Every structure is written in C-alpha cells, then in structure tokens.
Protein backbone atom coordinates (compact mmCIF):
# COMPACT_ATOMS: atom_id res chain seq x y z
CA ASP A 1 1.67 -18.83 130.14
CA LEU A 2 -0.82 -19.31 127.99
CA PHE A 3 -0.24 -17.40 124.21
CA CYS A 4 3.41 -17.22 125.56
CA GLY A 5 5.47 -16.46 122.24
CA SER A 6 8.79 -17.51 122.87
CA GLY A 7 8.43 -16.95 126.57
CA PHE A 8 9.04 -13.05 127.65
CA PHE A 9 6.49 -13.68 131.08
CA SER A 10 8.02 -17.45 131.57
CA ASN A 11 11.60 -16.00 131.63
CA LEU A 12 10.19 -12.85 133.83
CA PHE A 13 8.67 -15.27 136.67
CA GLY A 14 10.39 -18.93 135.64
CA GLY A 15 12.88 -18.55 138.44
CA LYS A 16 10.07 -19.33 141.23
CA LYS A 17 8.29 -21.99 139.95
CA GLN A 18 9.56 -25.46 139.32
CA LYS A 19 8.16 -26.44 135.92
CA LEU A 20 7.37 -23.94 133.63
CA TYR A 21 4.71 -24.77 130.57
CA GLY A 22 4.34 -22.67 127.77
CA TYR A 23 1.63 -22.40 124.40
CA GLU A 24 1.82 -21.12 121.39
CA VAL A 25 0.40 -21.26 117.94
CA THR A 26 3.78 -20.64 115.89
CA PRO A 27 6.11 -23.74 116.07
CA SER A 28 9.33 -20.84 115.88
CA SER A 29 8.62 -19.40 118.91
CA ILE A 30 7.89 -22.46 120.67
CA ALA A 31 11.45 -23.63 119.56
CA GLU A 32 13.01 -21.14 120.71
CA ALA A 33 11.32 -20.93 124.44
CA ASN A 34 12.63 -24.54 124.80
CA GLN A 35 16.00 -23.97 123.54
CA PHE A 36 16.51 -20.97 126.15
CA PHE A 37 14.67 -22.59 128.47
CA SER A 38 16.50 -25.57 128.81
CA LYS A 39 19.93 -23.69 129.08
CA LYS A 40 18.24 -20.84 131.26
CA PHE A 41 16.74 -23.41 134.09
CA PRO A 42 18.61 -26.95 133.00
CA GLU A 43 17.50 -28.08 136.83
CA LYS A 44 13.58 -27.11 136.03
CA GLU A 45 10.63 -28.96 134.07
CA ILE A 46 10.14 -27.17 130.84
CA HIS A 47 7.21 -28.13 128.29
CA PHE A 48 6.40 -25.30 125.94
CA SER A 49 4.60 -27.06 122.90
CA VAL A 50 2.60 -25.86 119.87
CA GLN A 51 -0.97 -25.56 120.40
CA ASN A 52 -3.85 -23.40 118.79
CA LEU A 53 -5.92 -22.14 122.30
CA PHE A 54 -8.73 -20.44 119.87
CA GLN A 55 -9.87 -24.41 118.78
CA ASN A 56 -8.25 -26.69 121.68
CA VAL A 57 -7.35 -26.60 125.12
CA ASP A 58 -8.06 -30.24 125.58
CA GLY A 59 -5.00 -31.80 126.73
CA LEU A 60 -3.62 -28.54 129.07
CA PRO A 61 -2.53 -29.79 132.63
CA LYS A 62 -4.47 -29.25 135.31
CA LEU A 63 -2.66 -26.99 137.80
CA LYS A 64 -2.84 -26.87 141.66
CA ASN A 65 -1.01 -23.87 143.31
CA GLY A 66 0.24 -23.13 140.25
CA SER A 67 0.43 -19.56 138.36
CA LEU A 68 -1.34 -18.93 135.33
CA ILE A 69 -0.39 -16.20 132.91
CA LEU A 70 -2.52 -14.88 130.01
CA ASP A 71 -1.29 -12.83 127.70
CA PRO A 72 -3.60 -13.25 124.35
CA PRO A 73 -2.83 -11.27 121.14
CA ARG A 74 -4.33 -7.90 120.80
CA SER A 75 -7.43 -9.24 119.20
CA GLY A 76 -8.19 -11.05 122.98
CA ALA A 77 -8.21 -14.63 123.83
CA GLY A 78 -11.89 -15.58 122.73
C-alpha cells in the first residue's frame, strides 16, 4: 500500500493477503497502522514503515503474485 496513511485500503483488502506492506512519509500514521494491523491481523506478517516515496523507492520489496495499491496525495505520485 503506497502512500498508505494509516492503512485505509490495507484494512479493506488485508483479510485476503498473508503479508501486508505499507509505506508513508508520516511517522504517526505508520505507528497507528502498525498498532492497528498487529491487533486486527495477528496471524499475518505486517510491515508498515516510513518512506518518502517521492525521493527513494530503493528497498521496497519485489512482489510476486501480490497486489499493489497506490493512493497518492492529491498532487499525484510524481
């Protein structure tokens, strides 16, 4: 989930996936997402982290058979 905020779309579709990844620039949103998803889906691998997607996308996992949700800010994804 790119530009995930606190994980709105991960919450909608997360029940169907074994692993959840989310990236957002705001540390408080990532902290909230980690806390929420760890409680909601304790059996899943949860990886929400702070990442400025406008400056650096190195280190993002390579997905196979996964789904990518892109919810950029109103100004776009660059």
